[in-house]
């Protein structure tokens, strides 16, 4: 699934991103919250594909 489609589905409320527990643990180690991760999905850009 490409990022544009994911964002469109999320904005329509038809798709919910699931963040795995290991990803949450690593994010916390880096000082990031689940809200930060959600914001990155909605507004970030892919820097390496």
C-alpha atoms as a PDB file:
ATOM      1  CA  UNK A   1       0.000   0.000   0.000  1.00  0.00           C
ATOM      2  CA  UNK A   2       1.419   3.389  -0.890  1.00  0.00           C
ATOM      3  CA  UNK A   3       1.513   6.308   1.511  1.00  0.00           C
ATOM      4  CA  UNK A   4      -1.082   8.399  -0.366  1.00  0.00           C
ATOM      5  CA  UNK A   5      -3.603   5.569  -0.245  1.00  0.00           C
ATOM      6  CA  UNK A   6      -2.907   4.916   3.441  1.00  0.00           C
ATOM      7  CA  UNK A   7      -3.442   8.599   4.259  1.00  0.00           C
ATOM      8  CA  UNK A   8      -6.663   8.742   2.240  1.00  0.00           C
ATOM      9  CA  UNK A   9      -8.080   5.635   3.930  1.00  0.00           C
ATOM     10  CA  UNK A  10      -7.129   6.943   7.387  1.00  0.00           C
ATOM     11  CA  UNK A  11      -8.765  10.303   6.693  1.00  0.00           C
ATOM     12  CA  UNK A  12     -11.942   8.477   5.623  1.00  0.00           C
ATOM     13  CA  UNK A  13     -11.842   6.464   8.836  1.00  0.00           C
ATOM     14  CA  UNK A  14     -11.668   3.158   6.963  1.00  0.00           C
ATOM     15  CA  UNK A  15      -8.147   2.204   8.029  1.00  0.00           C
ATOM     16  CA  UNK A  16      -6.440   2.328  11.389  1.00  0.00           C
ATOM     17  CA  UNK A  17      -2.678   2.096  11.709  1.00  0.00           C
ATOM     18  CA  UNK A  18      -1.514  -0.563  14.158  1.00  0.00           C
ATOM     19  CA  UNK A  19       1.825   0.106  15.813  1.00  0.00           C
ATOM     20  CA  UNK A  20       3.463  -3.055  17.119  1.00  0.00           C
ATOM     21  CA  UNK A  21       4.709  -3.295  20.689  1.00  0.00           C
ATOM     22  CA  UNK A  22       8.375  -3.541  19.638  1.00  0.00           C
ATOM     23  CA  UNK A  23       7.947  -0.407  17.512  1.00  0.00           C
ATOM     24  CA  UNK A  24       6.398   1.410  20.481  1.00  0.00           C
ATOM     25  CA  UNK A  25       9.299   0.351  22.708  1.00  0.00           C
ATOM     26  CA  UNK A  26      11.876   1.601  20.195  1.00  0.00           C
ATOM     27  CA  UNK A  27       9.965   4.837  19.699  1.00  0.00           C
ATOM     28  CA  UNK A  28       9.886   5.442  23.463  1.00  0.00           C
ATOM     29  CA  UNK A  29      13.652   4.882  23.612  1.00  0.00           C
ATOM     30  CA  UNK A  30      13.971   7.700  21.067  1.00  0.00           C
ATOM     31  CA  UNK A  31      11.642   9.951  23.063  1.00  0.00           C
ATOM     32  CA  UNK A  32       8.723   9.586  20.650  1.00  0.00           C
ATOM     33  CA  UNK A  33       5.071   9.116  21.575  1.00  0.00           C
ATOM     34  CA  UNK A  34       2.373   7.232  19.683  1.00  0.00           C
ATOM     35  CA  UNK A  35       1.039  10.652  18.721  1.00  0.00           C
ATOM     36  CA  UNK A  36       4.403  11.490  17.163  1.00  0.00           C
ATOM     37  CA  UNK A  37       4.287   8.286  15.126  1.00  0.00           C
ATOM     38  CA  UNK A  38       0.727   8.981  14.013  1.00  0.00           C
ATOM     39  CA  UNK A  39       1.694  12.512  12.993  1.00  0.00           C
ATOM     40  CA  UNK A  40       4.611  11.139  10.964  1.00  0.00           C
ATOM     41  CA  UNK A  41       2.295   8.789   9.062  1.00  0.00           C
ATOM     42  CA  UNK A  42      -0.143  11.593   8.311  1.00  0.00           C
ATOM     43  CA  UNK A  43       2.308  14.389   7.524  1.00  0.00           C
ATOM     44  CA  UNK A  44       5.786  12.947   7.001  1.00  0.00           C
ATOM     45  CA  UNK A  45       7.584  12.111   3.811  1.00  0.00           C
ATOM     46  CA  UNK A  46       9.360   8.980   2.652  1.00  0.00           C
ATOM     47  CA  UNK A  47      13.089   9.710   2.493  1.00  0.00           C
ATOM     48  CA  UNK A  48      14.181   6.246   1.373  1.00  0.00           C
ATOM     49  CA  UNK A  49      12.058   3.715  -0.457  1.00  0.00           C
END
